[in-house]
Amino acid sequence: LVDIRDRPYSELTGAAAALDLERVHGGAAGG
């Protein structure tokens, strides 16, 4: 998520922050 100098990869961390997994979780048929 960060490089060897501790700088975040903003593209990836921004994508993670934008997810709403509580809404998504289990939303498709499974099991």
PDB file of all heavy atoms in Angstrom:
ATOM      1  N   LEU A   1       0.840  -1.190   0.000  1.00  0.00           N
ATOM      2  CA  LEU A   1       0.000   0.000   0.000  1.00  0.00           C
ATOM      3  C   LEU A   1       0.875   1.240   0.000  1.00  0.00           C
ATOM      4  O   LEU A   1       0.454   2.317  -0.426  1.00  0.00           O
ATOM      5  CB  LEU A   1      -0.902   0.008   1.241  1.00  0.00           C
ATOM      6  CG  LEU A   1      -1.850  -1.180   1.419  1.00  0.00           C
ATOM      7  CD1 LEU A   1      -2.596  -1.075   2.741  1.00  0.00           C
ATOM      8  CD2 LEU A   1      -2.825  -1.271   0.261  1.00  0.00           C
ATOM      9  N   VAL A   2       2.113   1.077   0.523  1.00  0.00           N
ATOM     10  CA  VAL A   2       3.098   2.166   0.514  1.00  0.00           C
ATOM     11  C   VAL A   2       4.384   1.633  -0.104  1.00  0.00           C
ATOM     12  O   VAL A   2       4.627   0.425  -0.137  1.00  0.00           O
ATOM     13  CB  VAL A   2       3.374   2.700   1.936  1.00  0.00           C
ATOM     14  CG1 VAL A   2       2.078   3.173   2.597  1.00  0.00           C
ATOM     15  CG2 VAL A   2       4.061   1.650   2.814  1.00  0.00           C
ATOM     16  N   ASP A   3       5.213   2.535  -0.603  1.00  0.00           N
ATOM     17  CA  ASP A   3       6.487   2.117  -1.184  1.00  0.00           C
ATOM     18  C   ASP A   3       7.537   1.975  -0.083  1.00  0.00           C
ATOM     19  O   ASP A   3       7.242   2.148   1.109  1.00  0.00           O
ATOM     20  CB  ASP A   3       6.924   3.085  -2.289  1.00  0.00           C
ATOM     21  CG  ASP A   3       7.183   4.507  -1.790  1.00  0.00           C
ATOM     22  OD1 ASP A   3       7.451   4.699  -0.578  1.00  0.00           O
ATOM     23  OD2 ASP A   3       7.139   5.433  -2.618  1.00  0.00           O
ATOM     24  N   ILE A   4       8.762   1.679  -0.452  1.00  0.00           N
ATOM     25  CA  ILE A   4       9.783   1.441   0.567  1.00  0.00           C
ATOM     26  C   ILE A   4      10.184   2.718   1.292  1.00  0.00           C
ATOM     27  O   ILE A   4      10.880   2.653   2.315  1.00  0.00           O
ATOM     28  CB  ILE A   4      11.030   0.760  -0.039  1.00  0.00           C
ATOM     29  CG1 ILE A   4      11.653   1.623  -1.138  1.00  0.00           C
ATOM     30  CG2 ILE A   4      10.686  -0.631  -0.561  1.00  0.00           C
ATOM     31  CD1 ILE A   4      12.995   1.086  -1.643  1.00  0.00           C
ATOM     32  N   ARG A   5       9.730   3.854   0.821  1.00  0.00           N
ATOM     33  CA  ARG A   5       9.984   5.128   1.504  1.00  0.00           C
ATOM     34  C   ARG A   5       8.752   5.631   2.266  1.00  0.00           C
ATOM     35  O   ARG A   5       8.678   6.780   2.649  1.00  0.00           O
ATOM     36  CB  ARG A   5      10.469   6.180   0.503  1.00  0.00           C
ATOM     37  CG  ARG A   5      11.831   5.836  -0.103  1.00  0.00           C
ATOM     38  CD  ARG A   5      12.228   6.805  -1.204  1.00  0.00           C
ATOM     39  NE  ARG A   5      13.510   6.428  -1.789  1.00  0.00           N
ATOM     40  CZ  ARG A   5      13.678   5.480  -2.700  1.00  0.00           C
ATOM     41  NH1 ARG A   5      12.624   4.800  -3.148  1.00  0.00           N
ATOM     42  NH2 ARG A   5      14.879   5.195  -3.171  1.00  0.00           N
ATOM     43  N   ASP A   6       7.778   4.735   2.420  1.00  0.00           N
ATOM     44  CA  ASP A   6       6.583   4.994   3.230  1.00  0.00           C
ATOM     45  C   ASP A   6       5.581   5.925   2.545  1.00  0.00           C
ATOM     46  O   ASP A   6       4.673   6.452   3.184  1.00  0.00           O
ATOM     47  CB  ASP A   6       6.969   5.569   4.606  1.00  0.00           C
ATOM     48  CG  ASP A   6       5.826   5.487   5.605  1.00  0.00           C
ATOM     49  OD1 ASP A   6       5.326   4.363   5.841  1.00  0.00           O
ATOM     50  OD2 ASP A   6       5.414   6.539   6.137  1.00  0.00           O
ATOM     51  N   ARG A   7       5.696   6.123   1.237  1.00  0.00           N
ATOM     52  CA  ARG A   7       4.751   6.979   0.522  1.00  0.00           C
ATOM     53  C   ARG A   7       3.605   6.125  -0.013  1.00  0.00           C
ATOM     54  O   ARG A   7       3.845   5.155  -0.737  1.00  0.00           O
ATOM     55  CB  ARG A   7       5.452   7.703  -0.625  1.00  0.00           C
ATOM     56  CG  ARG A   7       6.560   8.633  -0.182  1.00  0.00           C
ATOM     57  CD  ARG A   7       7.369   9.136  -1.356  1.00  0.00           C
ATOM     58  NE  ARG A   7       8.043   8.044  -2.059  1.00  0.00           N
ATOM     59  CZ  ARG A   7       8.883   8.215  -3.096  1.00  0.00           C
ATOM     60  NH1 ARG A   7       9.131   9.440  -3.549  1.00  0.00           N
ATOM     61  NH2 ARG A   7       9.446   7.178  -3.669  1.00  0.00           N
ATOM     62  N   PRO A   8       2.364   6.480   0.332  1.00  0.00           N
ATOM     63  CA  PRO A   8       1.211   5.679  -0.117  1.00  0.00           C
ATOM     64  C   PRO A   8       1.050   5.713  -1.636  1.00  0.00           C
ATOM     65  O   PRO A   8       1.340   6.730  -2.292  1.00  0.00           O
ATOM     66  CB  PRO A   8       0.017   6.357   0.564  1.00  0.00           C
ATOM     67  CG  PRO A   8       0.595   7.095   1.730  1.00  0.00           C
ATOM     68  CD  PRO A   8       1.954   7.554   1.270  1.00  0.00           C
ATOM     69  N   TYR A   9       0.597   4.588  -2.181  1.00  0.00           N
ATOM     70  CA  TYR A   9       0.147   4.554  -3.569  1.00  0.00           C
ATOM     71  C   TYR A   9      -1.295   5.042  -3.565  1.00  0.00           C
ATOM     72  O   TYR A   9      -2.227   4.289  -3.291  1.00  0.00           O
ATOM     73  CB  TYR A   9       0.254   3.132  -4.132  1.00  0.00           C
ATOM     74  CG  TYR A   9       1.673   2.693  -4.380  1.00  0.00           C
ATOM     75  CD1 TYR A   9       2.307   1.795  -3.524  1.00  0.00           C
ATOM     76  CD2 TYR A   9       2.393   3.186  -5.469  1.00  0.00           C
ATOM     77  CE1 TYR A   9       3.619   1.383  -3.761  1.00  0.00           C
ATOM     78  CE2 TYR A   9       3.702   2.794  -5.715  1.00  0.00           C
ATOM     79  CZ  TYR A   9       4.317   1.890  -4.855  1.00  0.00           C
ATOM     80  OH  TYR A   9       5.616   1.493  -5.090  1.00  0.00           O
ATOM     81  N   SER A  10      -1.478   6.310  -3.847  1.00  0.00           N
ATOM     82  CA  SER A  10      -2.778   6.956  -3.662  1.00  0.00           C
ATOM     83  C   SER A  10      -3.866   6.351  -4.545  1.00  0.00           C
ATOM     84  O   SER A  10      -5.047   6.374  -4.180  1.00  0.00           O
ATOM     85  CB  SER A  10      -2.660   8.463  -3.927  1.00  0.00           C
ATOM     86  OG  SER A  10      -2.184   8.709  -5.240  1.00  0.00           O
ATOM     87  N   GLU A  11      -3.494   5.820  -5.709  1.00  0.00           N
ATOM     88  CA  GLU A  11      -4.496   5.198  -6.567  1.00  0.00           C
ATOM     89  C   GLU A  11      -5.142   4.006  -5.853  1.00  0.00           C
ATOM     90  O   GLU A  11      -6.372   3.854  -5.832  1.00  0.00           O
ATOM     91  CB  GLU A  11      -3.860   4.731  -7.877  1.00  0.00           C
ATOM     92  CG  GLU A  11      -3.233   5.835  -8.708  1.00  0.00           C
ATOM     93  CD  GLU A  11      -1.772   6.088  -8.357  1.00  0.00           C
ATOM     94  OE1 GLU A  11      -1.300   5.570  -7.311  1.00  0.00           O
ATOM     95  OE2 GLU A  11      -1.101   6.805  -9.128  1.00  0.00           O
ATOM     96  N   LEU A  12      -4.308   3.170  -5.255  1.00  0.00           N
ATOM     97  CA  LEU A  12      -4.804   1.971  -4.590  1.00  0.00           C
ATOM     98  C   LEU A  12      -5.482   2.302  -3.269  1.00  0.00           C
ATOM     99  O   LEU A  12      -6.581   1.811  -2.983  1.00  0.00           O
ATOM    100  CB  LEU A  12      -3.641   0.998  -4.354  1.00  0.00           C
ATOM    101  CG  LEU A  12      -3.965  -0.320  -3.656  1.00  0.00           C
ATOM    102  CD1 LEU A  12      -5.103  -1.054  -4.347  1.00  0.00           C
ATOM    103  CD2 LEU A  12      -2.724  -1.209  -3.602  1.00  0.00           C
ATOM    104  N   THR A  13      -4.855   3.143  -2.455  1.00  0.00           N
ATOM    105  CA  THR A  13      -5.456   3.473  -1.158  1.00  0.00           C
ATOM    106  C   THR A  13      -6.749   4.272  -1.341  1.00  0.00           C
ATOM    107  O   THR A  13      -7.691   4.123  -0.564  1.00  0.00           O
ATOM    108  CB  THR A  13      -4.463   4.246  -0.282  1.00  0.00           C
ATOM    109  OG1 THR A  13      -4.041   5.448  -0.959  1.00  0.00           O
ATOM    110  CG2 THR A  13      -3.244   3.390   0.028  1.00  0.00           C
ATOM    111  N   GLY A  14      -6.797   5.104  -2.388  1.00  0.00           N
ATOM    112  CA  GLY A  14      -8.036   5.832  -2.671  1.00  0.00           C
ATOM    113  C   GLY A  14      -9.145   4.886  -3.098  1.00  0.00           C
ATOM    114  O   GLY A  14     -10.308   5.061  -2.705  1.00  0.00           O
ATOM    115  N   ALA A  15      -8.791   3.875  -3.898  1.00  0.00           N
ATOM    116  CA  ALA A  15      -9.786   2.880  -4.315  1.00  0.00           C
ATOM    117  C   ALA A  15     -10.302   2.108  -3.115  1.00  0.00           C
ATOM    118  O   ALA A  15     -11.500   1.814  -3.009  1.00  0.00           O
ATOM    119  CB  ALA A  15      -9.175   1.934  -5.337  1.00  0.00           C
ATOM    120  N   ALA A  16      -9.423   1.778  -2.183  1.00  0.00           N
ATOM    121  CA  ALA A  16      -9.848   1.059  -0.978  1.00  0.00           C
ATOM    122  C   ALA A  16     -10.786   1.912  -0.141  1.00  0.00           C
ATOM    123  O   ALA A  16     -11.815   1.436   0.357  1.00  0.00           O
ATOM    124  CB  ALA A  16      -8.624   0.647  -0.162  1.00  0.00           C
ATOM    125  N   ALA A  17     -10.455   3.177   0.018  1.00  0.00           N
ATOM    126  CA  ALA A  17     -11.282   4.075   0.833  1.00  0.00           C
ATOM    127  C   ALA A  17     -12.667   4.273   0.227  1.00  0.00           C
ATOM    128  O   ALA A  17     -13.639   4.541   0.951  1.00  0.00           O
ATOM    129  CB  ALA A  17     -10.578   5.419   0.984  1.00  0.00           C
ATOM    130  N   ALA A  18     -12.779   4.130  -1.091  1.00  0.00           N
ATOM    131  CA  ALA A  18     -14.060   4.361  -1.767  1.00  0.00           C
ATOM    132  C   ALA A  18     -14.998   3.165  -1.703  1.00  0.00           C
ATOM    133  O   ALA A  18     -16.181   3.282  -2.040  1.00  0.00           O
ATOM    134  CB  ALA A  18     -13.802   4.742  -3.225  1.00  0.00           C
ATOM    135  N   LEU A  19     -14.514   2.002  -1.273  1.00  0.00           N
ATOM    136  CA  LEU A  19     -15.360   0.812  -1.234  1.00  0.00           C
ATOM    137  C   LEU A  19     -16.394   0.901  -0.117  1.00  0.00           C
ATOM    138  O   LEU A  19     -16.133   1.472   0.942  1.00  0.00           O
ATOM    139  CB  LEU A  19     -14.504  -0.444  -1.024  1.00  0.00           C
ATOM    140  CG  LEU A  19     -13.491  -0.784  -2.119  1.00  0.00           C
ATOM    141  CD1 LEU A  19     -12.664  -1.990  -1.700  1.00  0.00           C
ATOM    142  CD2 LEU A  19     -14.199  -1.055  -3.441  1.00  0.00           C
ATOM    143  N   ASP A  20     -17.553   0.329  -0.360  1.00  0.00           N
ATOM    144  CA  ASP A  20     -18.600   0.228   0.662  1.00  0.00           C
ATOM    145  C   ASP A  20     -18.929  -1.255   0.825  1.00  0.00           C
ATOM    146  O   ASP A  20     -19.936  -1.749   0.340  1.00  0.00           O
ATOM    147  CB  ASP A  20     -19.841   1.019   0.233  1.00  0.00           C
ATOM    148  CG  ASP A  20     -20.922   1.029   1.315  1.00  0.00           C
ATOM    149  OD1 ASP A  20     -20.712   0.428   2.391  1.00  0.00           O
ATOM    150  OD2 ASP A  20     -21.996   1.623   1.076  1.00  0.00           O
ATOM    151  N   LEU A  21     -18.059  -1.961   1.532  1.00  0.00           N
ATOM    152  CA  LEU A  21     -18.169  -3.411   1.585  1.00  0.00           C
ATOM    153  C   LEU A  21     -19.323  -3.881   2.460  1.00  0.00           C
ATOM    154  O   LEU A  21     -19.833  -4.987   2.274  1.00  0.00           O
ATOM    155  CB  LEU A  21     -16.852  -4.013   2.070  1.00  0.00           C
ATOM    156  CG  LEU A  21     -15.646  -3.783   1.152  1.00  0.00           C
ATOM    157  CD1 LEU A  21     -14.429  -4.524   1.667  1.00  0.00           C
ATOM    158  CD2 LEU A  21     -15.960  -4.212  -0.276  1.00  0.00           C
ATOM    159  N   GLU A  22     -19.750  -3.083   3.432  1.00  0.00           N
ATOM    160  CA  GLU A  22     -20.911  -3.482   4.241  1.00  0.00           C
ATOM    161  C   GLU A  22     -22.152  -3.589   3.375  1.00  0.00           C
ATOM    162  O   GLU A  22     -22.989  -4.476   3.564  1.00  0.00           O
ATOM    163  CB  GLU A  22     -21.131  -2.484   5.379  1.00  0.00           C
ATOM    164  CG  GLU A  22     -20.099  -2.595   6.491  1.00  0.00           C
ATOM    165  CD  GLU A  22     -20.506  -1.796   7.715  1.00  0.00           C
ATOM    166  OE1 GLU A  22     -21.689  -1.390   7.803  1.00  0.00           O
ATOM    167  OE2 GLU A  22     -19.648  -1.575   8.578  1.00  0.00           O
ATOM    168  N   ARG A  23     -22.266  -2.703   2.405  1.00  0.00           N
ATOM    169  CA  ARG A  23     -23.402  -2.760   1.490  1.00  0.00           C
ATOM    170  C   ARG A  23     -23.258  -3.906   0.506  1.00  0.00           C
ATOM    171  O   ARG A  23     -24.222  -4.593   0.162  1.00  0.00           O
ATOM    172  CB  ARG A  23     -23.517  -1.435   0.719  1.00  0.00           C
ATOM    173  CG  ARG A  23     -24.661  -1.401  -0.288  1.00  0.00           C
ATOM    174  CD  ARG A  23     -24.655  -0.098  -1.061  1.00  0.00           C
ATOM    175  NE  ARG A  23     -23.414   0.087  -1.790  1.00  0.00           N
ATOM    176  CZ  ARG A  23     -23.139  -0.482  -2.959  1.00  0.00           C
ATOM    177  NH1 ARG A  23     -24.011  -1.284  -3.537  1.00  0.00           N
ATOM    178  NH2 ARG A  23     -21.986  -0.260  -3.565  1.00  0.00           N
ATOM    179  N   VAL A  24     -22.024  -4.150   0.065  1.00  0.00           N
ATOM    180  CA  VAL A  24     -21.771  -5.155  -0.960  1.00  0.00           C
ATOM    181  C   VAL A  24     -21.839  -6.566  -0.406  1.00  0.00           C
ATOM    182  O   VAL A  24     -22.321  -7.491  -1.070  1.00  0.00           O
ATOM    183  CB  VAL A  24     -20.372  -4.919  -1.593  1.00  0.00           C
ATOM    184  CG1 VAL A  24     -19.965  -6.091  -2.462  1.00  0.00           C
ATOM    185  CG2 VAL A  24     -20.379  -3.632  -2.398  1.00  0.00           C
ATOM    186  N   HIS A  25     -21.371  -6.776   0.831  1.00  0.00           N
ATOM    187  CA  HIS A  25     -21.129  -8.127   1.343  1.00  0.00           C
ATOM    188  C   HIS A  25     -22.384  -8.997   1.293  1.00  0.00           C
ATOM    189  O   HIS A  25     -23.434  -8.645   1.813  1.00  0.00           O
ATOM    190  CB  HIS A  25     -20.621  -8.063   2.781  1.00  0.00           C
ATOM    191  CG  HIS A  25     -20.252  -9.412   3.342  1.00  0.00           C
ATOM    192  ND1 HIS A  25     -19.626 -10.379   2.606  1.00  0.00           N
ATOM    193  CD2 HIS A  25     -20.436  -9.946   4.566  1.00  0.00           C
ATOM    194  CE1 HIS A  25     -19.428 -11.447   3.346  1.00  0.00           C
ATOM    195  NE2 HIS A  25     -19.916 -11.211   4.534  1.00  0.00           N
ATOM    196  N   GLY A  26     -22.230 -10.155   0.638  1.00  0.00           N
ATOM    197  CA  GLY A  26     -23.342 -11.098   0.540  1.00  0.00           C
ATOM    198  C   GLY A  26     -24.430 -10.658  -0.412  1.00  0.00           C
ATOM    199  O   GLY A  26     -25.509 -11.256  -0.445  1.00  0.00           O
ATOM    200  N   GLY A  27     -24.146  -9.653  -1.249  1.00  0.00           N
ATOM    201  CA  GLY A  27     -25.176  -9.131  -2.126  1.00  0.00           C
ATOM    202  C   GLY A  27     -25.503 -10.015  -3.310  1.00  0.00           C
ATOM    203  O   GLY A  27     -26.521  -9.826  -3.972  1.00  0.00           O
ATOM    204  N   ALA A  28     -24.640 -10.979  -3.598  1.00  0.00           N
ATOM    205  CA  ALA A  28     -24.897 -11.918  -4.696  1.00  0.00           C
ATOM    206  C   ALA A  28     -25.176 -13.285  -4.123  1.00  0.00           C
ATOM    207  O   ALA A  28     -24.813 -13.593  -3.002  1.00  0.00           O
ATOM    208  CB  ALA A  28     -23.698 -11.971  -5.642  1.00  0.00           C
ATOM    209  N   ALA A  29     -25.872 -14.091  -4.897  1.00  0.00           N
ATOM    210  CA  ALA A  29     -26.156 -15.452  -4.437  1.00  0.00           C
ATOM    211  C   ALA A  29     -24.857 -16.178  -4.192  1.00  0.00           C
ATOM    212  O   ALA A  29     -23.931 -16.095  -4.975  1.00  0.00           O
ATOM    213  CB  ALA A  29     -26.988 -16.190  -5.484  1.00  0.00           C
ATOM    214  N   GLY A  30     -24.773 -16.899  -3.111  1.00  0.00           N
ATOM    215  CA  GLY A  30     -23.557 -17.633  -2.799  1.00  0.00           C
ATOM    216  C   GLY A  30     -23.876 -18.831  -1.956  1.00  0.00           C
ATOM    217  O   GLY A  30     -25.007 -19.031  -1.522  1.00  0.00           O
ATOM    218  N   GLY A  31     -22.855 -19.619  -1.688  1.00  0.00           N
ATOM    219  CA  GLY A  31     -23.022 -20.758  -0.801  1.00  0.00           C
ATOM    220  C   GLY A  31     -23.544 -21.972  -1.539  1.00  0.00           C
ATOM    221  O   GLY A  31     -22.790 -22.826  -1.928  1.00  0.00           O
TER     222      GLY A  31
END
